[in-house]
Amino acid sequence: MKEQALANAFAVIIAAIYVICAAWVVIARDSFMAFSGNWIHGIDLETLPYISPNTGGLIFGFVTAVAAGWVAGYAFAWLYNKFSKK
């Protein structure tokens, strides 16, 4: 398995998910919070303080999420290759 190819695929998927989630928060925060609460075992996210997303924060989040996705994809492929050798 090619590490860089899988890393690139992970990064693209994370980028798409990030854009969808960021748009969802900006457009329909309440439904996003309800959906997210279900994913994290019913924690009431409404009790947390709300900070409106700003451009800098969204860009920083996007870049770091994509970078983390790339690293995770590379590590996954590298480990897969190590474990699959006989």
PDB file of N, CA and C in Angstrom:
ATOM      1  N   MET A   1       0.853  -1.167   0.000  1.00  0.00           N
ATOM      2  CA  MET A   1       0.000   0.000   0.000  1.00  0.00           C
ATOM      3  C   MET A   1       0.905   1.238   0.000  1.00  0.00           C
ATOM      4  N   LYS A   2       0.601   2.172  -0.862  1.00  0.00           N
ATOM      5  CA  LYS A   2       1.413   3.383  -0.960  1.00  0.00           C
ATOM      6  C   LYS A   2       0.990   4.373   0.129  1.00  0.00           C
ATOM      7  N   GLU A   3       1.948   4.688   1.012  1.00  0.00           N
ATOM      8  CA  GLU A   3       1.655   5.559   2.142  1.00  0.00           C
ATOM      9  C   GLU A   3       1.138   6.928   1.713  1.00  0.00           C
ATOM     10  N   GLN A   4       1.823   7.545   0.764  1.00  0.00           N
ATOM     11  CA  GLN A   4       1.444   8.900   0.367  1.00  0.00           C
ATOM     12  C   GLN A   4       0.068   8.927  -0.301  1.00  0.00           C
ATOM     13  N   ALA A   5      -0.248   7.913  -1.076  1.00  0.00           N
ATOM     14  CA  ALA A   5      -1.559   7.867  -1.737  1.00  0.00           C
ATOM     15  C   ALA A   5      -2.680   7.768  -0.709  1.00  0.00           C
ATOM     16  N   LEU A   6      -2.508   6.899   0.289  1.00  0.00           N
ATOM     17  CA  LEU A   6      -3.542   6.775   1.317  1.00  0.00           C
ATOM     18  C   LEU A   6      -3.614   8.043   2.159  1.00  0.00           C
ATOM     19  N   ALA A   7      -2.470   8.630   2.463  1.00  0.00           N
ATOM     20  CA  ALA A   7      -2.453   9.883   3.226  1.00  0.00           C
ATOM     21  C   ALA A   7      -3.208  10.977   2.476  1.00  0.00           C
ATOM     22  N   ASN A   8      -2.989  11.075   1.182  1.00  0.00           N
ATOM     23  CA  ASN A   8      -3.704  12.070   0.376  1.00  0.00           C
ATOM     24  C   ASN A   8      -5.208  11.807   0.380  1.00  0.00           C
ATOM     25  N   ALA A   9      -5.596  10.542   0.277  1.00  0.00           N
ATOM     26  CA  ALA A   9      -7.021  10.193   0.297  1.00  0.00           C
ATOM     27  C   ALA A   9      -7.652  10.570   1.635  1.00  0.00           C
ATOM     28  N   PHE A  10      -6.978  10.254   2.741  1.00  0.00           N
ATOM     29  CA  PHE A  10      -7.482  10.635   4.066  1.00  0.00           C
ATOM     30  C   PHE A  10      -7.636  12.147   4.156  1.00  0.00           C
ATOM     31  N   ALA A  11      -6.648  12.888   3.685  1.00  0.00           N
ATOM     32  CA  ALA A  11      -6.681  14.350   3.769  1.00  0.00           C
ATOM     33  C   ALA A  11      -7.859  14.923   2.982  1.00  0.00           C
ATOM     34  N   VAL A  12      -8.119  14.384   1.806  1.00  0.00           N
ATOM     35  CA  VAL A  12      -9.243  14.871   0.993  1.00  0.00           C
ATOM     36  C   VAL A  12     -10.571  14.576   1.686  1.00  0.00           C
ATOM     37  N   ILE A  13     -10.709  13.392   2.249  1.00  0.00           N
ATOM     38  CA  ILE A  13     -11.947  13.040   2.950  1.00  0.00           C
ATOM     39  C   ILE A  13     -12.154  13.952   4.158  1.00  0.00           C
ATOM     40  N   ILE A  14     -11.105  14.174   4.940  1.00  0.00           N
ATOM     41  CA  ILE A  14     -11.204  15.062   6.104  1.00  0.00           C
ATOM     42  C   ILE A  14     -11.549  16.476   5.660  1.00  0.00           C
ATOM     43  N   ALA A  15     -10.960  16.943   4.574  1.00  0.00           N
ATOM     44  CA  ALA A  15     -11.262  18.286   4.070  1.00  0.00           C
ATOM     45  C   ALA A  15     -12.745  18.408   3.728  1.00  0.00           C
ATOM     46  N   ALA A  16     -13.289  17.413   3.053  1.00  0.00           N
ATOM     47  CA  ALA A  16     -14.707  17.445   2.684  1.00  0.00           C
ATOM     48  C   ALA A  16     -15.598  17.428   3.922  1.00  0.00           C
ATOM     49  N   ILE A  17     -15.285  16.566   4.872  1.00  0.00           N
ATOM     50  CA  ILE A  17     -16.075  16.498   6.104  1.00  0.00           C
ATOM     51  C   ILE A  17     -15.997  17.820   6.856  1.00  0.00           C
ATOM     52  N   TYR A  18     -14.818  18.412   6.929  1.00  0.00           N
ATOM     53  CA  TYR A  18     -14.655  19.680   7.642  1.00  0.00           C
ATOM     54  C   TYR A  18     -15.502  20.777   7.004  1.00  0.00           C
ATOM     55  N   VAL A  19     -15.468  20.878   5.696  1.00  0.00           N
ATOM     56  CA  VAL A  19     -16.242  21.914   5.001  1.00  0.00           C
ATOM     57  C   VAL A  19     -17.735  21.713   5.248  1.00  0.00           C
ATOM     58  N   ILE A  20     -18.202  20.473   5.171  1.00  0.00           N
ATOM     59  CA  ILE A  20     -19.617  20.187   5.421  1.00  0.00           C
ATOM     60  C   ILE A  20     -19.999  20.562   6.851  1.00  0.00           C
ATOM     61  N   CYS A  21     -19.186  20.162   7.821  1.00  0.00           N
ATOM     62  CA  CYS A  21     -19.489  20.466   9.225  1.00  0.00           C
ATOM     63  C   CYS A  21     -19.441  21.966   9.499  1.00  0.00           C
ATOM     64  N   ALA A  22     -18.439  22.647   8.970  1.00  0.00           N
ATOM     65  CA  ALA A  22     -18.331  24.096   9.190  1.00  0.00           C
ATOM     66  C   ALA A  22     -19.532  24.820   8.598  1.00  0.00           C
ATOM     67  N   ALA A  23     -19.931  24.426   7.404  1.00  0.00           N
ATOM     68  CA  ALA A  23     -21.104  25.045   6.782  1.00  0.00           C
ATOM     69  C   ALA A  23     -22.354  24.757   7.600  1.00  0.00           C
ATOM     70  N   TRP A  24     -22.477  23.554   8.102  1.00  0.00           N
ATOM     71  CA  TRP A  24     -23.635  23.172   8.907  1.00  0.00           C
ATOM     72  C   TRP A  24     -23.712  24.020  10.172  1.00  0.00           C
ATOM     73  N   VAL A  25     -22.582  24.230  10.830  1.00  0.00           N
ATOM     74  CA  VAL A  25     -22.564  25.057  12.044  1.00  0.00           C
ATOM     75  C   VAL A  25     -22.997  26.482  11.726  1.00  0.00           C
ATOM     76  N   VAL A  26     -22.492  27.029  10.637  1.00  0.00           N
ATOM     77  CA  VAL A  26     -22.818  28.410  10.267  1.00  0.00           C
ATOM     78  C   VAL A  26     -24.285  28.536   9.860  1.00  0.00           C
ATOM     79  N   ILE A  27     -24.804  27.559   9.130  1.00  0.00           N
ATOM     80  CA  ILE A  27     -26.162  27.648   8.588  1.00  0.00           C
ATOM     81  C   ILE A  27     -27.228  27.208   9.590  1.00  0.00           C
ATOM     82  N   ALA A  28     -26.983  26.117  10.294  1.00  0.00           N
ATOM     83  CA  ALA A  28     -28.016  25.538  11.167  1.00  0.00           C
ATOM     84  C   ALA A  28     -27.390  24.981  12.437  1.00  0.00           C
ATOM     85  N   ARG A  29     -26.899  25.872  13.279  1.00  0.00           N
ATOM     86  CA  ARG A  29     -26.170  25.483  14.482  1.00  0.00           C
ATOM     87  C   ARG A  29     -26.976  24.545  15.379  1.00  0.00           C
ATOM     88  N   ASP A  30     -28.255  24.833  15.596  1.00  0.00           N
ATOM     89  CA  ASP A  30     -29.051  24.023  16.520  1.00  0.00           C
ATOM     90  C   ASP A  30     -29.142  22.561  16.089  1.00  0.00           C
ATOM     91  N   SER A  31     -29.371  22.325  14.810  1.00  0.00           N
ATOM     92  CA  SER A  31     -29.457  20.931  14.360  1.00  0.00           C
ATOM     93  C   SER A  31     -28.086  20.256  14.426  1.00  0.00           C
ATOM     94  N   PHE A  32     -27.024  21.019  14.166  1.00  0.00           N
ATOM     95  CA  PHE A  32     -25.679  20.460  14.287  1.00  0.00           C
ATOM     96  C   PHE A  32     -25.394  20.055  15.728  1.00  0.00           C
ATOM     97  N   MET A  33     -25.763  20.917  16.674  1.00  0.00           N
ATOM     98  CA  MET A  33     -25.521  20.625  18.088  1.00  0.00           C
ATOM     99  C   MET A  33     -26.318  19.398  18.527  1.00  0.00           C
ATOM    100  N   ALA A  34     -27.552  19.273  18.081  1.00  0.00           N
ATOM    101  CA  ALA A  34     -28.368  18.110  18.435  1.00  0.00           C
ATOM    102  C   ALA A  34     -27.753  16.833  17.860  1.00  0.00           C
ATOM    103  N   PHE A  35     -27.339  16.884  16.616  1.00  0.00           N
ATOM    104  CA  PHE A  35     -26.717  15.736  15.964  1.00  0.00           C
ATOM    105  C   PHE A  35     -25.415  15.362  16.673  1.00  0.00           C
ATOM    106  N   SER A  36     -24.581  16.341  16.958  1.00  0.00           N
ATOM    107  CA  SER A  36     -23.294  16.090  17.617  1.00  0.00           C
ATOM    108  C   SER A  36     -23.487  15.522  19.011  1.00  0.00           C
ATOM    109  N   GLY A  37     -24.492  16.011  19.726  1.00  0.00           N
ATOM    110  CA  GLY A  37     -24.780  15.492  21.062  1.00  0.00           C
ATOM    111  C   GLY A  37     -25.073  14.003  21.032  1.00  0.00           C
ATOM    112  N   ASN A  38     -25.740  13.550  19.992  1.00  0.00           N
ATOM    113  CA  ASN A  38     -26.022  12.118  19.858  1.00  0.00           C
ATOM    114  C   ASN A  38     -24.756  11.319  19.590  1.00  0.00           C
ATOM    115  N   TRP A  39     -23.811  11.903  18.882  1.00  0.00           N
ATOM    116  CA  TRP A  39     -22.562  11.203  18.589  1.00  0.00           C
ATOM    117  C   TRP A  39     -21.681  11.054  19.820  1.00  0.00           C
ATOM    118  N   ILE A  40     -21.787  11.988  20.741  1.00  0.00           N
ATOM    119  CA  ILE A  40     -20.938  11.903  21.939  1.00  0.00           C
ATOM    120  C   ILE A  40     -21.774  11.529  23.156  1.00  0.00           C
ATOM    121  N   HIS A  41     -22.636  10.552  22.939  1.00  0.00           N
ATOM    122  CA  HIS A  41     -23.385   9.879  23.999  1.00  0.00           C
ATOM    123  C   HIS A  41     -24.315  10.800  24.777  1.00  0.00           C
ATOM    124  N   GLY A  42     -24.955  11.711  24.090  1.00  0.00           N
ATOM    125  CA  GLY A  42     -26.002  12.514  24.701  1.00  0.00           C
ATOM    126  C   GLY A  42     -25.546  13.675  25.553  1.00  0.00           C
ATOM    127  N   ILE A  43     -24.283  14.043  25.501  1.00  0.00           N
ATOM    128  CA  ILE A  43     -23.816  15.199  26.266  1.00  0.00           C
ATOM    129  C   ILE A  43     -24.532  16.438  25.749  1.00  0.00           C
ATOM    130  N   ASP A  44     -25.017  17.268  26.661  1.00  0.00           N
ATOM    131  CA  ASP A  44     -25.745  18.481  26.280  1.00  0.00           C
ATOM    132  C   ASP A  44     -24.745  19.571  25.907  1.00  0.00           C
ATOM    133  N   LEU A  45     -24.504  19.710  24.635  1.00  0.00           N
ATOM    134  CA  LEU A  45     -23.543  20.706  24.157  1.00  0.00           C
ATOM    135  C   LEU A  45     -24.070  22.127  24.294  1.00  0.00           C
ATOM    136  N   GLU A  46     -25.375  22.278  24.498  1.00  0.00           N
ATOM    137  CA  GLU A  46     -25.962  23.615  24.634  1.00  0.00           C
ATOM    138  C   GLU A  46     -25.479  24.310  25.904  1.00  0.00           C
ATOM    139  N   THR A  47     -24.988  23.550  26.883  1.00  0.00           N
ATOM    140  CA  THR A  47     -24.512  24.161  28.124  1.00  0.00           C
ATOM    141  C   THR A  47     -23.129  24.798  27.964  1.00  0.00           C
ATOM    142  N   LEU A  48     -22.451  24.479  26.882  1.00  0.00           N
ATOM    143  CA  LEU A  48     -21.136  25.075  26.631  1.00  0.00           C
ATOM    144  C   LEU A  48     -21.303  26.482  26.081  1.00  0.00           C
ATOM    145  N   PRO A  49     -20.365  27.366  26.389  1.00  0.00           N
ATOM    146  CA  PRO A  49     -20.472  28.726  25.832  1.00  0.00           C
ATOM    147  C   PRO A  49     -20.324  28.691  24.312  1.00  0.00           C
ATOM    148  N   TYR A  50     -21.071  29.534  23.634  1.00  0.00           N
ATOM    149  CA  TYR A  50     -21.036  29.576  22.172  1.00  0.00           C
ATOM    150  C   TYR A  50     -20.145  30.712  21.706  1.00  0.00           C
ATOM    151  N   ILE A  51     -19.241  30.391  20.818  1.00  0.00           N
ATOM    152  CA  ILE A  51     -18.387  31.390  20.190  1.00  0.00           C
ATOM    153  C   ILE A  51     -18.653  31.310  18.696  1.00  0.00           C
ATOM    154  N   SER A  52     -19.057  32.409  18.104  1.00  0.00           N
ATOM    155  CA  SER A  52     -19.337  32.423  16.667  1.00  0.00           C
ATOM    156  C   SER A  52     -18.075  32.089  15.883  1.00  0.00           C
ATOM    157  N   PRO A  53     -18.207  31.231  14.880  1.00  0.00           N
ATOM    158  CA  PRO A  53     -17.040  30.912  14.059  1.00  0.00           C
ATOM    159  C   PRO A  53     -16.538  32.158  13.327  1.00  0.00           C
ATOM    160  N   ASN A  54     -15.223  32.308  13.278  1.00  0.00           N
ATOM    161  CA  ASN A  54     -14.655  33.407  12.491  1.00  0.00           C
ATOM    162  C   ASN A  54     -13.755  32.809  11.409  1.00  0.00           C
ATOM    163  N   THR A  55     -13.438  33.605  10.437  1.00  0.00           N
ATOM    164  CA  THR A  55     -12.680  33.121   9.284  1.00  0.00           C
ATOM    165  C   THR A  55     -11.337  32.524   9.692  1.00  0.00           C
ATOM    166  N   GLY A  56     -10.617  33.213  10.569  1.00  0.00           N
ATOM    167  CA  GLY A  56      -9.312  32.712  10.994  1.00  0.00           C
ATOM    168  C   GLY A  56      -9.409  31.370  11.690  1.00  0.00           C
ATOM    169  N   GLY A  57     -10.396  31.235  12.568  1.00  0.00           N
ATOM    170  CA  GLY A  57     -10.587  29.974  13.275  1.00  0.00           C
ATOM    171  C   GLY A  57     -10.969  28.839  12.342  1.00  0.00           C
ATOM    172  N   LEU A  58     -11.827  29.150  11.372  1.00  0.00           N
ATOM    173  CA  LEU A  58     -12.231  28.126  10.409  1.00  0.00           C
ATOM    174  C   LEU A  58     -11.054  27.682   9.541  1.00  0.00           C
ATOM    175  N   ILE A  59     -10.230  28.626   9.131  1.00  0.00           N
ATOM    176  CA  ILE A  59      -9.057  28.282   8.313  1.00  0.00           C
ATOM    177  C   ILE A  59      -8.064  27.461   9.127  1.00  0.00           C
ATOM    178  N   PHE A  60      -7.805  27.893  10.362  1.00  0.00           N
ATOM    179  CA  PHE A  60      -6.893  27.152  11.232  1.00  0.00           C
ATOM    180  C   PHE A  60      -7.409  25.732  11.460  1.00  0.00           C
ATOM    181  N   GLY A  61      -8.697  25.607  11.754  1.00  0.00           N
ATOM    182  CA  GLY A  61      -9.289  24.290  11.965  1.00  0.00           C
ATOM    183  C   GLY A  61      -9.182  23.412  10.733  1.00  0.00           C
ATOM    184  N   PHE A  62      -9.436  24.002   9.566  1.00  0.00           N
ATOM    185  CA  PHE A  62      -9.357  23.259   8.308  1.00  0.00           C
ATOM    186  C   PHE A  62      -7.939  22.742   8.074  1.00  0.00           C
ATOM    187  N   VAL A  63      -6.967  23.628   8.197  1.00  0.00           N
ATOM    188  CA  VAL A  63      -5.569  23.253   7.926  1.00  0.00           C
ATOM    189  C   VAL A  63      -5.095  22.178   8.897  1.00  0.00           C
ATOM    190  N   THR A  64      -5.389  22.344  10.181  1.00  0.00           N
ATOM    191  CA  THR A  64      -4.919  21.363  11.161  1.00  0.00           C
ATOM    192  C   THR A  64      -5.660  20.036  11.034  1.00  0.00           C
ATOM    193  N   ALA A  65      -6.952  20.072  10.706  1.00  0.00           N
ATOM    194  CA  ALA A  65      -7.705  18.826  10.523  1.00  0.00           C
ATOM    195  C   ALA A  65      -7.188  18.060   9.309  1.00  0.00           C
ATOM    196  N   VAL A  66      -6.935  18.768   8.217  1.00  0.00           N
ATOM    197  CA  VAL A  66      -6.423  18.117   7.007  1.00  0.00           C
ATOM    198  C   VAL A  66      -5.023  17.560   7.260  1.00  0.00           C
ATOM    199  N   ALA A  67      -4.188  18.311   7.958  1.00  0.00           N
ATOM    200  CA  ALA A  67      -2.839  17.826   8.280  1.00  0.00           C
ATOM    201  C   ALA A  67      -2.908  16.578   9.158  1.00  0.00           C
ATOM    202  N   ALA A  68      -3.771  16.595  10.158  1.00  0.00           N
ATOM    203  CA  ALA A  68      -3.925  15.427  11.029  1.00  0.00           C
ATOM    204  C   ALA A  68      -4.453  14.232  10.236  1.00  0.00           C
ATOM    205  N   GLY A  69      -5.376  14.479   9.311  1.00  0.00           N
ATOM    206  CA  GLY A  69      -5.887  13.403   8.460  1.00  0.00           C
ATOM    207  C   GLY A  69      -4.794  12.809   7.589  1.00  0.00           C
ATOM    208  N   TRP A  70      -3.938  13.677   7.051  1.00  0.00           N
ATOM    209  CA  TRP A  70      -2.839  13.204   6.211  1.00  0.00           C
ATOM    210  C   TRP A  70      -1.885  12.334   7.032  1.00  0.00           C
ATOM    211  N   VAL A  71      -1.518  12.807   8.213  1.00  0.00           N
ATOM    212  CA  VAL A  71      -0.609  12.044   9.078  1.00  0.00           C
ATOM    213  C   VAL A  71      -1.244  10.706   9.464  1.00  0.00           C
ATOM    214  N   ALA A  72      -2.531  10.721   9.800  1.00  0.00           N
ATOM    215  CA  ALA A  72      -3.218   9.479  10.169  1.00  0.00           C
ATOM    216  C   ALA A  72      -3.242   8.498   8.994  1.00  0.00           C
ATOM    217  N   GLY A  73      -3.502   9.000   7.801  1.00  0.00           N
ATOM    218  CA  GLY A  73      -3.511   8.136   6.625  1.00  0.00           C
ATOM    219  C   GLY A  73      -2.146   7.540   6.343  1.00  0.00           C
ATOM    220  N   TYR A  74      -1.113   8.359   6.465  1.00  0.00           N
ATOM    221  CA  TYR A  74       0.249   7.880   6.237  1.00  0.00           C
ATOM    222  C   TYR A  74       0.615   6.822   7.280  1.00  0.00           C
ATOM    223  N   ALA A  75       0.307   7.115   8.547  1.00  0.00           N
ATOM    224  CA  ALA A  75       0.620   6.174   9.622  1.00  0.00           C
ATOM    225  C   ALA A  75      -0.143   4.864   9.442  1.00  0.00           C
ATOM    226  N   PHE A  76      -1.404   4.964   9.048  1.00  0.00           N
ATOM    227  CA  PHE A  76      -2.204   3.764   8.818  1.00  0.00           C
ATOM    228  C   PHE A  76      -1.569   2.890   7.743  1.00  0.00           C
ATOM    229  N   ALA A  77      -1.220   3.480   6.610  1.00  0.00           N
ATOM    230  CA  ALA A  77      -0.621   2.714   5.513  1.00  0.00           C
ATOM    231  C   ALA A  77       0.727   2.137   5.920  1.00  0.00           C
ATOM    232  N   TRP A  78       1.531   2.916   6.613  1.00  0.00           N
ATOM    233  CA  TRP A  78       2.849   2.452   7.050  1.00  0.00           C
ATOM    234  C   TRP A  78       2.706   1.259   7.990  1.00  0.00           C
ATOM    235  N   LEU A  79       1.793   1.385   8.971  1.00  0.00           N
ATOM    236  CA  LEU A  79       1.575   0.280   9.907  1.00  0.00           C
ATOM    237  C   LEU A  79       0.991  -0.941   9.202  1.00  0.00           C
ATOM    238  N   TYR A  80       0.071  -0.707   8.298  1.00  0.00           N
ATOM    239  CA  TYR A  80      -0.508  -1.815   7.534  1.00  0.00           C
ATOM    240  C   TYR A  80       0.593  -2.573   6.795  1.00  0.00           C
ATOM    241  N   ASN A  81       1.471  -1.831   6.150  1.00  0.00           N
ATOM    242  CA  ASN A  81       2.568  -2.470   5.417  1.00  0.00           C
ATOM    243  C   ASN A  81       3.486  -3.250   6.349  1.00  0.00           C
ATOM    244  N   LYS A  82       3.751  -2.714   7.530  1.00  0.00           N
ATOM    245  CA  LYS A  82       4.616  -3.412   8.494  1.00  0.00           C
ATOM    246  C   LYS A  82       3.962  -4.700   8.981  1.00  0.00           C
ATOM    247  N   PHE A  83       2.678  -4.639   9.308  1.00  0.00           N
ATOM    248  CA  PHE A  83       1.985  -5.804   9.848  1.00  0.00           C
ATOM    249  C   PHE A  83       1.656  -6.850   8.785  1.00  0.00           C
ATOM    250  N   SER A  84       1.551  -6.443   7.539  1.00  0.00           N
ATOM    251  CA  SER A  84       1.165  -7.395   6.495  1.00  0.00           C
ATOM    252  C   SER A  84       2.350  -8.154   5.905  1.00  0.00           C
ATOM    253  N   LYS A  85       3.564  -7.783   6.268  1.00  0.00           N
ATOM    254  CA  LYS A  85       4.748  -8.510   5.788  1.00  0.00           C
ATOM    255  C   LYS A  85       4.826  -9.859   6.486  1.00  0.00           C
ATOM    256  N   LYS A  86       5.199 -10.869   5.711  1.00  0.00           N
ATOM    257  CA  LYS A  86       5.293 -12.218   6.301  1.00  0.00           C
ATOM    258  C   LYS A  86       6.707 -12.689   6.353  1.00  0.00           C
TER     259      LYS A  86
END
